[in-house]
Amino acid sequence: MNSKIAIIGAGNLGKAIAKGLVKSGKYLPENITLTRRTLSELSPYKNNGFSITDNNLSAVKANEMIVVSVGPQDAERVLDSFKANLNPDKHILISTITGVSIQKIQSVVGLQLPIVRIMPNTAVAICESMTCIAATDEHSKSLTVVKKLFDQLGQTLIVKESLIAPATALCGSGLAFFLRAVRAASQGGTEIGFHAEEAILLAAQTARGAASLTINSNMHPESEIDKVTTPKGITISGLNEMEHQGFSSAMIRAIVKSSNKINDIAKE
């Protein structure tokens, strides 16, 4: 039997996790509790069978796996709201909080309990997330449990905690960067004659194919690029224009900038 799960602070990411758990077929909505201060925003989830509450303390008491999905500015207040009901023999605390370390969480809750940091993205809702996971050595068993959970929701990678911030930039914010690339490609498609809806489909499916080729072939992306690039051809002309306009540099800078921003948040 799967552990019951509470998602504390069910915003966009928390709700996406809940959707993915149900879509995976491994969890029923009634085994997932969502909490939020504004319950009206969770009404559709209540109608679909999820438990909802604005009481974090009761949610923690009734569940075993506690996913904390709030902004860093709310972290201490939210952790304080339910720490009285945490039980090291019962709970695994799973944090998506940006820039807040395991050590910091431990100091706030005041207990030696299993804490695992994760960074999924909102594609978790359709079981297509890239989720990085980290924990301290003494909680390796809990790390395995959390990895098994998120293996159902896409790809996972166990990393050092120091890499959670870079993972947030590459996998979390990165989802938006790739979506922006899809949007740009679709706009190009519209300019050359496709209707907007057609251009989005063409761009998105092409991006999906490119990603699948990279994953399934286990080859460097340039290997696949070489297969569609011929001397004096169409593709090399387009690629050279992209680089002339700074495409690769912009993507690299965006990821580094986002990672640096996370480090700034952690210092606040």
C-alpha atoms as a PDB file:
ATOM      1  CA  MET A   1       0.000   0.000   0.000  1.00  0.00           C
ATOM      2  CA  ASN A   2       1.330   3.446  -0.956  1.00  0.00           C
ATOM      3  CA  SER A   3       1.946   6.024   1.755  1.00  0.00           C
ATOM      4  CA  LYS A   4      -0.555   8.842   1.986  1.00  0.00           C
ATOM      5  CA  ILE A   5       0.771  12.161   0.757  1.00  0.00           C
ATOM      6  CA  ALA A   6       0.179  15.739   1.891  1.00  0.00           C
ATOM      7  CA  ILE A   7       1.210  18.584  -0.410  1.00  0.00           C
ATOM      8  CA  ILE A   8       1.683  21.655   1.750  1.00  0.00           C
ATOM      9  CA  GLY A   9       1.223  24.865  -0.223  1.00  0.00           C
ATOM     10  CA  ALA A  10      -0.444  23.506  -3.346  1.00  0.00           C
ATOM     11  CA  GLY A  11       0.411  26.205  -5.873  1.00  0.00           C
ATOM     12  CA  ASN A  12       1.213  25.496  -9.517  1.00  0.00           C
ATOM     13  CA  LEU A  13       3.999  23.013  -8.803  1.00  0.00           C
ATOM     14  CA  GLY A  14       2.211  21.325  -5.897  1.00  0.00           C
ATOM     15  CA  LYS A  15      -0.945  20.853  -7.948  1.00  0.00           C
ATOM     16  CA  ALA A  16       1.106  19.530 -10.857  1.00  0.00           C
ATOM     17  CA  ILE A  17       2.654  16.908  -8.550  1.00  0.00           C
ATOM     18  CA  ALA A  18      -0.826  15.886  -7.386  1.00  0.00           C
ATOM     19  CA  LYS A  19      -2.039  15.533 -10.980  1.00  0.00           C
ATOM     20  CA  GLY A  20       1.002  13.463 -11.910  1.00  0.00           C
ATOM     21  CA  LEU A  21       0.597  11.096  -8.971  1.00  0.00           C
ATOM     22  CA  VAL A  22      -2.955  10.332 -10.058  1.00  0.00           C
ATOM     23  CA  LYS A  23      -2.054  10.141 -13.758  1.00  0.00           C
ATOM     24  CA  SER A  24       0.658   7.596 -12.922  1.00  0.00           C
ATOM     25  CA  GLY A  25      -2.081   5.222 -11.808  1.00  0.00           C
ATOM     26  CA  LYS A  26      -0.321   4.556  -8.505  1.00  0.00           C
ATOM     27  CA  TYR A  27      -2.324   6.960  -6.364  1.00  0.00           C
ATOM     28  CA  LEU A  28      -5.991   7.722  -5.888  1.00  0.00           C
ATOM     29  CA  PRO A  29      -7.015  11.344  -5.273  1.00  0.00           C
ATOM     30  CA  GLU A  30      -8.428  10.446  -1.857  1.00  0.00           C
ATOM     31  CA  ASN A  31      -4.928   9.442  -0.714  1.00  0.00           C
ATOM     32  CA  ILE A  32      -3.575  12.918  -1.456  1.00  0.00           C
ATOM     33  CA  THR A  33      -4.212  15.967   0.711  1.00  0.00           C
ATOM     34  CA  LEU A  34      -3.680  19.459  -0.681  1.00  0.00           C
ATOM     35  CA  THR A  35      -3.310  22.486   1.581  1.00  0.00           C
ATOM     36  CA  ARG A  36      -3.584  26.168   0.777  1.00  0.00           C
ATOM     37  CA  ARG A  37      -4.625  29.292   2.629  1.00  0.00           C
ATOM     38  CA  THR A  38      -7.191  30.123  -0.077  1.00  0.00           C
ATOM     39  CA  LEU A  39      -9.263  26.953  -0.303  1.00  0.00           C
ATOM     40  CA  SER A  40     -11.435  28.265  -3.135  1.00  0.00           C
ATOM     41  CA  GLU A  41      -8.459  27.838  -5.467  1.00  0.00           C
ATOM     42  CA  LEU A  42      -8.492  24.113  -4.701  1.00  0.00           C
ATOM     43  CA  SER A  43     -12.233  23.608  -5.318  1.00  0.00           C
ATOM     44  CA  PRO A  44     -11.725  21.791  -8.652  1.00  0.00           C
ATOM     45  CA  TYR A  45      -9.432  19.332  -6.873  1.00  0.00           C
ATOM     46  CA  LYS A  46     -11.972  18.695  -4.151  1.00  0.00           C
ATOM     47  CA  ASN A  47     -14.533  17.960  -6.859  1.00  0.00           C
ATOM     48  CA  ASN A  48     -12.107  15.413  -8.319  1.00  0.00           C
ATOM     49  CA  GLY A  49     -11.748  13.540  -5.026  1.00  0.00           C
ATOM     50  CA  PHE A  50      -8.668  15.114  -3.437  1.00  0.00           C
ATOM     51  CA  SER A  51      -8.748  16.017   0.238  1.00  0.00           C
ATOM     52  CA  ILE A  52      -8.238  19.751   0.740  1.00  0.00           C
ATOM     53  CA  THR A  53      -7.648  21.785   3.884  1.00  0.00           C
ATOM     54  CA  ASP A  54      -6.173  25.057   5.089  1.00  0.00           C
ATOM     55  CA  ASN A  55      -4.862  23.327   8.220  1.00  0.00           C
ATOM     56  CA  ASN A  56      -1.271  22.202   7.684  1.00  0.00           C
ATOM     57  CA  LEU A  57      -1.079  20.670  11.148  1.00  0.00           C
ATOM     58  CA  SER A  58      -3.948  18.244  10.550  1.00  0.00           C
ATOM     59  CA  ALA A  59      -2.701  17.428   7.049  1.00  0.00           C
ATOM     60  CA  VAL A  60       0.681  16.367   8.427  1.00  0.00           C
ATOM     61  CA  LYS A  61      -0.920  14.278  11.149  1.00  0.00           C
ATOM     62  CA  ALA A  62      -3.040  12.352   8.622  1.00  0.00           C
ATOM     63  CA  ASN A  63      -0.293  11.580   6.089  1.00  0.00           C
ATOM     64  CA  GLU A  64       3.172  10.025   5.891  1.00  0.00           C
ATOM     65  CA  MET A  65       4.932  11.741   2.987  1.00  0.00           C
ATOM     66  CA  ILE A  66       4.915  15.526   3.343  1.00  0.00           C
ATOM     67  CA  VAL A  67       5.736  17.562   0.239  1.00  0.00           C
ATOM     68  CA  VAL A  68       6.421  21.203   1.081  1.00  0.00           C
ATOM     69  CA  SER A  69       5.929  23.289  -2.050  1.00  0.00           C
ATOM     70  CA  VAL A  70       6.065  26.960  -1.073  1.00  0.00           C
ATOM     71  CA  GLY A  71       8.200  29.965  -1.934  1.00  0.00           C
ATOM     72  CA  PRO A  72      11.385  30.596   0.066  1.00  0.00           C
ATOM     73  CA  GLN A  73       9.863  33.722   1.610  1.00  0.00           C
ATOM     74  CA  ASP A  74       7.146  31.561   3.209  1.00  0.00           C
ATOM     75  CA  ALA A  75       9.313  28.607   4.175  1.00  0.00           C
ATOM     76  CA  GLU A  76       9.890  29.288   7.867  1.00  0.00           C
ATOM     77  CA  ARG A  77       6.290  30.323   8.555  1.00  0.00           C
ATOM     78  CA  VAL A  78       4.890  27.235   6.817  1.00  0.00           C
ATOM     79  CA  LEU A  79       7.335  24.830   8.463  1.00  0.00           C
ATOM     80  CA  ASP A  80       6.482  26.348  11.846  1.00  0.00           C
ATOM     81  CA  SER A  81       2.776  25.782  11.149  1.00  0.00           C
ATOM     82  CA  PHE A  82       3.048  21.995  11.203  1.00  0.00           C
ATOM     83  CA  LYS A  83       6.329  21.021  12.875  1.00  0.00           C
ATOM     84  CA  ALA A  84       4.527  20.088  16.100  1.00  0.00           C
ATOM     85  CA  ASN A  85       2.995  17.075  14.355  1.00  0.00           C
ATOM     86  CA  LEU A  86       6.128  15.802  12.650  1.00  0.00           C
ATOM     87  CA  ASN A  87       7.245  12.332  13.694  1.00  0.00           C
ATOM     88  CA  PRO A  88      10.688  11.012  12.646  1.00  0.00           C
ATOM     89  CA  ASP A  89       9.362   7.430  12.779  1.00  0.00           C
ATOM     90  CA  LYS A  90       6.436   8.214  10.490  1.00  0.00           C
ATOM     91  CA  HIS A  91       7.257  11.074   8.134  1.00  0.00           C
ATOM     92  CA  ILE A  92       9.481  11.844   5.178  1.00  0.00           C
ATOM     93  CA  LEU A  93       9.685  15.586   4.515  1.00  0.00           C
ATOM     94  CA  ILE A  94      10.115  16.358   0.809  1.00  0.00           C
ATOM     95  CA  SER A  95      11.014  19.947  -0.047  1.00  0.00           C
ATOM     96  CA  THR A  96      10.738  21.824  -3.334  1.00  0.00           C
ATOM     97  CA  ILE A  97      11.579  25.114  -1.600  1.00  0.00           C
ATOM     98  CA  THR A  98      14.052  27.078  -3.703  1.00  0.00           C
ATOM     99  CA  GLY A  99      17.275  28.072  -1.979  1.00  0.00           C
ATOM    100  CA  VAL A 100      16.483  26.557   1.427  1.00  0.00           C
ATOM    101  CA  SER A 101      18.941  23.866   2.501  1.00  0.00           C
ATOM    102  CA  ILE A 102      18.287  20.627   4.348  1.00  0.00           C
ATOM    103  CA  GLN A 103      20.263  22.040   7.265  1.00  0.00           C
ATOM    104  CA  LYS A 104      18.024  25.120   7.388  1.00  0.00           C
ATOM    105  CA  ILE A 105      14.851  23.023   7.261  1.00  0.00           C
ATOM    106  CA  GLN A 106      16.240  20.781  10.009  1.00  0.00           C
ATOM    107  CA  SER A 107      16.940  23.795  12.217  1.00  0.00           C
ATOM    108  CA  VAL A 108      13.426  25.173  11.754  1.00  0.00           C
ATOM    109  CA  VAL A 109      11.565  21.927  12.475  1.00  0.00           C
ATOM    110  CA  GLY A 110      13.946  21.024  15.297  1.00  0.00           C
ATOM    111  CA  LEU A 111      13.877  17.284  14.608  1.00  0.00           C
ATOM    112  CA  GLN A 112      16.225  14.706  13.136  1.00  0.00           C
ATOM    113  CA  LEU A 113      13.814  13.354  10.555  1.00  0.00           C
ATOM    114  CA  PRO A 114      14.320  12.299   6.917  1.00  0.00           C
ATOM    115  CA  ILE A 115      14.437  15.375   4.666  1.00  0.00           C
ATOM    116  CA  VAL A 116      14.771  15.048   0.900  1.00  0.00           C
ATOM    117  CA  ARG A 117      15.085  17.992  -1.482  1.00  0.00           C
ATOM    118  CA  ILE A 118      13.661  17.658  -4.967  1.00  0.00           C
ATOM    119  CA  MET A 119      13.385  19.867  -8.015  1.00  0.00           C
ATOM    120  CA  PRO A 120      10.786  18.703 -10.520  1.00  0.00           C
ATOM    121  CA  ASN A 121       9.121  20.912 -13.106  1.00  0.00           C
ATOM    122  CA  THR A 122       5.461  21.388 -13.981  1.00  0.00           C
ATOM    123  CA  ALA A 123       5.644  18.662 -16.652  1.00  0.00           C
ATOM    124  CA  VAL A 124       5.332  16.400 -13.598  1.00  0.00           C
ATOM    125  CA  ALA A 125       1.569  16.806 -14.168  1.00  0.00           C
ATOM    126  CA  ILE A 126       1.819  14.617 -17.286  1.00  0.00           C
ATOM    127  CA  CYS A 127       4.546  12.318 -15.874  1.00  0.00           C
ATOM    128  CA  GLU A 128       7.229  13.967 -18.033  1.00  0.00           C
ATOM    129  CA  SER A 129       9.241  15.828 -15.400  1.00  0.00           C
ATOM    130  CA  MET A 130      12.995  15.894 -15.009  1.00  0.00           C
ATOM    131  CA  THR A 131      13.388  15.686 -11.239  1.00  0.00           C
ATOM    132  CA  CYS A 132      16.681  16.045  -9.383  1.00  0.00           C
ATOM    133  CA  ILE A 133      16.783  14.620  -5.845  1.00  0.00           C
ATOM    134  CA  ALA A 134      19.184  15.103  -2.933  1.00  0.00           C
ATOM    135  CA  ALA A 135      19.464  14.006   0.694  1.00  0.00           C
ATOM    136  CA  THR A 136      22.127  13.578   3.345  1.00  0.00           C
ATOM    137  CA  ASP A 137      23.933  10.234   3.608  1.00  0.00           C
ATOM    138  CA  GLU A 138      22.088   9.166   6.761  1.00  0.00           C
ATOM    139  CA  HIS A 139      18.773   9.392   4.929  1.00  0.00           C
ATOM    140  CA  SER A 140      19.712   7.315   1.883  1.00  0.00           C
ATOM    141  CA  LYS A 141      16.806   4.942   2.519  1.00  0.00           C
ATOM    142  CA  SER A 142      14.322   7.809   2.341  1.00  0.00           C
ATOM    143  CA  LEU A 143      16.107   9.086  -0.770  1.00  0.00           C
ATOM    144  CA  THR A 144      15.423   5.741  -2.435  1.00  0.00           C
ATOM    145  CA  VAL A 145      11.744   5.923  -1.456  1.00  0.00           C
ATOM    146  CA  VAL A 146      11.378   9.418  -2.914  1.00  0.00           C
ATOM    147  CA  LYS A 147      13.235   8.464  -6.093  1.00  0.00           C
ATOM    148  CA  LYS A 148      10.892   5.514  -6.590  1.00  0.00           C
ATOM    149  CA  LEU A 149       7.926   7.864  -6.172  1.00  0.00           C
ATOM    150  CA  PHE A 150       9.175  10.379  -8.734  1.00  0.00           C
ATOM    151  CA  ASP A 151      10.394   7.706 -11.152  1.00  0.00           C
ATOM    152  CA  GLN A 152       6.681   7.322 -11.911  1.00  0.00           C
ATOM    153  CA  LEU A 153       6.469  10.994 -12.859  1.00  0.00           C
ATOM    154  CA  GLY A 154       9.251  11.234 -15.438  1.00  0.00           C
ATOM    155  CA  GLN A 155      13.029  10.952 -15.283  1.00  0.00           C
ATOM    156  CA  THR A 156      14.989  11.318 -12.030  1.00  0.00           C
ATOM    157  CA  LEU A 157      18.595  11.970 -11.135  1.00  0.00           C
ATOM    158  CA  ILE A 158      20.162  11.775  -7.670  1.00  0.00           C
ATOM    159  CA  VAL A 159      22.541  14.713  -7.171  1.00  0.00           C
ATOM    160  CA  LYS A 160      24.540  16.355  -4.416  1.00  0.00           C
ATOM    161  CA  GLU A 161      22.542  18.967  -2.543  1.00  0.00           C
ATOM    162  CA  SER A 162      24.877  21.649  -3.898  1.00  0.00           C
ATOM    163  CA  LEU A 163      23.498  20.876  -7.370  1.00  0.00           C
ATOM    164  CA  ILE A 164      19.845  21.420  -6.483  1.00  0.00           C
ATOM    165  CA  ALA A 165      20.138  25.148  -7.268  1.00  0.00           C
ATOM    166  CA  PRO A 166      21.680  24.514 -10.705  1.00  0.00           C
ATOM    167  CA  ALA A 167      19.027  21.828 -11.277  1.00  0.00           C
ATOM    168  CA  THR A 168      16.345  24.389 -10.517  1.00  0.00           C
ATOM    169  CA  ALA A 169      17.774  26.630 -13.233  1.00  0.00           C
ATOM    170  CA  LEU A 170      18.255  23.892 -15.846  1.00  0.00           C
ATOM    171  CA  CYS A 171      15.203  21.714 -15.174  1.00  0.00           C
ATOM    172  CA  GLY A 172      12.763  24.016 -13.378  1.00  0.00           C
ATOM    173  CA  SER A 173      13.269  27.350 -15.113  1.00  0.00           C
ATOM    174  CA  GLY A 174      14.595  25.453 -18.124  1.00  0.00           C
ATOM    175  CA  LEU A 175      11.100  24.240 -18.938  1.00  0.00           C
ATOM    176  CA  ALA A 176      10.125  27.867 -19.591  1.00  0.00           C
ATOM    177  CA  PHE A 177      13.259  28.426 -21.685  1.00  0.00           C
ATOM    178  CA  PHE A 178      12.430  25.505 -23.961  1.00  0.00           C
ATOM    179  CA  LEU A 179       8.801  26.604 -24.172  1.00  0.00           C
ATOM    180  CA  ARG A 180       9.997  30.049 -25.234  1.00  0.00           C
ATOM    181  CA  ALA A 181      12.109  28.362 -27.941  1.00  0.00           C
ATOM    182  CA  VAL A 182       9.021  26.470 -29.122  1.00  0.00           C
ATOM    183  CA  ARG A 183       7.066  29.721 -29.197  1.00  0.00           C
ATOM    184  CA  ALA A 184       9.800  31.427 -31.206  1.00  0.00           C
ATOM    185  CA  ALA A 185       9.876  28.551 -33.703  1.00  0.00           C
ATOM    186  CA  SER A 186       6.096  28.695 -34.048  1.00  0.00           C
ATOM    187  CA  GLN A 187       6.261  32.437 -34.702  1.00  0.00           C
ATOM    188  CA  GLY A 188       8.756  31.725 -37.436  1.00  0.00           C
ATOM    189  CA  GLY A 189       6.336  29.148 -38.799  1.00  0.00           C
ATOM    190  CA  THR A 190       3.540  31.698 -38.863  1.00  0.00           C
ATOM    191  CA  GLU A 191       5.756  34.166 -40.695  1.00  0.00           C
ATOM    192  CA  ILE A 192       6.437  31.647 -43.456  1.00  0.00           C
ATOM    193  CA  GLY A 193       2.785  30.776 -43.991  1.00  0.00           C
ATOM    194  CA  PHE A 194       1.299  28.455 -41.347  1.00  0.00           C
ATOM    195  CA  HIS A 195      -1.703  29.326 -39.231  1.00  0.00           C
ATOM    196  CA  ALA A 196      -0.742  29.914 -35.587  1.00  0.00           C
ATOM    197  CA  GLU A 197      -2.286  26.655 -34.324  1.00  0.00           C
ATOM    198  CA  GLU A 198      -0.549  24.658 -37.037  1.00  0.00           C
ATOM    199  CA  ALA A 199       2.792  26.355 -36.368  1.00  0.00           C
ATOM    200  CA  ILE A 200       2.600  25.578 -32.631  1.00  0.00           C
ATOM    201  CA  LEU A 201       1.845  21.910 -33.357  1.00  0.00           C
ATOM    202  CA  LEU A 202       4.693  21.661 -35.852  1.00  0.00           C
ATOM    203  CA  ALA A 203       7.169  23.379 -33.545  1.00  0.00           C
ATOM    204  CA  ALA A 204       6.147  21.457 -30.417  1.00  0.00           C
ATOM    205  CA  GLN A 205       6.174  18.041 -32.083  1.00  0.00           C
ATOM    206  CA  THR A 206       9.526  18.778 -33.712  1.00  0.00           C
ATOM    207  CA  ALA A 207      10.937  19.775 -30.313  1.00  0.00           C
ATOM    208  CA  ARG A 208       9.495  16.596 -28.824  1.00  0.00           C
ATOM    209  CA  GLY A 209      11.148  14.538 -31.554  1.00  0.00           C
ATOM    210  CA  ALA A 210      14.483  16.270 -31.005  1.00  0.00           C
ATOM    211  CA  ALA A 211      14.320  15.587 -27.262  1.00  0.00           C
ATOM    212  CA  SER A 212      13.336  11.947 -27.807  1.00  0.00           C
ATOM    213  CA  LEU A 213      16.166  11.435 -30.294  1.00  0.00           C
ATOM    214  CA  THR A 214      18.659  12.815 -27.782  1.00  0.00           C
ATOM    215  CA  ILE A 215      17.384  10.628 -24.937  1.00  0.00           C
ATOM    216  CA  ASN A 216      16.816   7.410 -26.892  1.00  0.00           C
ATOM    217  CA  SER A 217      19.992   7.503 -28.996  1.00  0.00           C
ATOM    218  CA  ASN A 218      22.174   8.404 -25.990  1.00  0.00           C
ATOM    219  CA  MET A 219      24.172  10.538 -28.408  1.00  0.00           C
ATOM    220  CA  HIS A 220      25.384  14.124 -28.209  1.00  0.00           C
ATOM    221  CA  PRO A 221      22.874  16.499 -29.849  1.00  0.00           C
ATOM    222  CA  GLU A 222      25.467  17.555 -32.402  1.00  0.00           C
ATOM    223  CA  SER A 223      25.546  13.986 -33.730  1.00  0.00           C
ATOM    224  CA  GLU A 224      21.894  14.263 -34.715  1.00  0.00           C
ATOM    225  CA  ILE A 225      22.394  17.802 -36.016  1.00  0.00           C
ATOM    226  CA  ASP A 226      25.140  16.512 -38.317  1.00  0.00           C
ATOM    227  CA  LYS A 227      22.680  14.030 -39.846  1.00  0.00           C
ATOM    228  CA  VAL A 228      20.430  16.818 -41.131  1.00  0.00           C
ATOM    229  CA  THR A 229      23.162  19.317 -42.045  1.00  0.00           C
ATOM    230  CA  THR A 230      24.639  19.231 -45.555  1.00  0.00           C
ATOM    231  CA  PRO A 231      27.204  21.522 -47.212  1.00  0.00           C
ATOM    232  CA  LYS A 232      25.600  24.726 -48.513  1.00  0.00           C
ATOM    233  CA  GLY A 233      22.269  23.349 -47.283  1.00  0.00           C
ATOM    234  CA  ILE A 234      19.141  24.800 -45.736  1.00  0.00           C
ATOM    235  CA  THR A 235      19.807  23.622 -42.183  1.00  0.00           C
ATOM    236  CA  ILE A 236      23.346  24.971 -41.884  1.00  0.00           C
ATOM    237  CA  SER A 237      22.144  28.308 -43.194  1.00  0.00           C
ATOM    238  CA  GLY A 238      19.531  28.478 -40.449  1.00  0.00           C
ATOM    239  CA  LEU A 239      21.902  27.238 -37.747  1.00  0.00           C
ATOM    240  CA  ASN A 240      24.496  29.833 -38.663  1.00  0.00           C
ATOM    241  CA  GLU A 241      21.884  32.579 -38.484  1.00  0.00           C
ATOM    242  CA  MET A 242      20.806  31.352 -35.019  1.00  0.00           C
ATOM    243  CA  GLU A 243      24.390  31.501 -33.768  1.00  0.00           C
ATOM    244  CA  HIS A 244      24.938  34.884 -35.432  1.00  0.00           C
ATOM    245  CA  GLN A 245      21.955  36.152 -33.417  1.00  0.00           C
ATOM    246  CA  GLY A 246      23.352  34.644 -30.217  1.00  0.00           C
ATOM    247  CA  PHE A 247      20.982  31.703 -29.645  1.00  0.00           C
ATOM    248  CA  SER A 248      23.384  29.368 -27.815  1.00  0.00           C
ATOM    249  CA  SER A 249      24.951  32.181 -25.834  1.00  0.00           C
ATOM    250  CA  ALA A 250      21.526  33.477 -24.751  1.00  0.00           C
ATOM    251  CA  MET A 251      20.430  30.030 -23.563  1.00  0.00           C
ATOM    252  CA  ILE A 252      23.653  29.501 -21.628  1.00  0.00           C
ATOM    253  CA  ARG A 253      23.445  32.946 -20.040  1.00  0.00           C
ATOM    254  CA  ALA A 254      19.793  32.399 -19.080  1.00  0.00           C
ATOM    255  CA  ILE A 255      20.614  29.183 -17.219  1.00  0.00           C
ATOM    256  CA  VAL A 256      23.623  30.686 -15.454  1.00  0.00           C
ATOM    257  CA  LYS A 257      21.675  33.848 -14.564  1.00  0.00           C
ATOM    258  CA  SER A 258      18.835  31.807 -13.083  1.00  0.00           C
ATOM    259  CA  SER A 259      21.241  29.687 -11.048  1.00  0.00           C
ATOM    260  CA  ASN A 260      22.964  32.805  -9.709  1.00  0.00           C
ATOM    261  CA  LYS A 261      19.583  34.247  -8.749  1.00  0.00           C
ATOM    262  CA  ILE A 262      18.845  31.141  -6.683  1.00  0.00           C
ATOM    263  CA  ASN A 263      22.169  31.559  -4.883  1.00  0.00           C
ATOM    264  CA  ASP A 264      21.210  35.155  -4.107  1.00  0.00           C
ATOM    265  CA  ILE A 265      17.884  33.980  -2.647  1.00  0.00           C
ATOM    266  CA  ALA A 266      19.697  31.435  -0.461  1.00  0.00           C
ATOM    267  CA  LYS A 267      21.801  34.236   1.053  1.00  0.00           C
ATOM    268  CA  GLU A 268      18.787  36.351   2.010  1.00  0.00           C
END
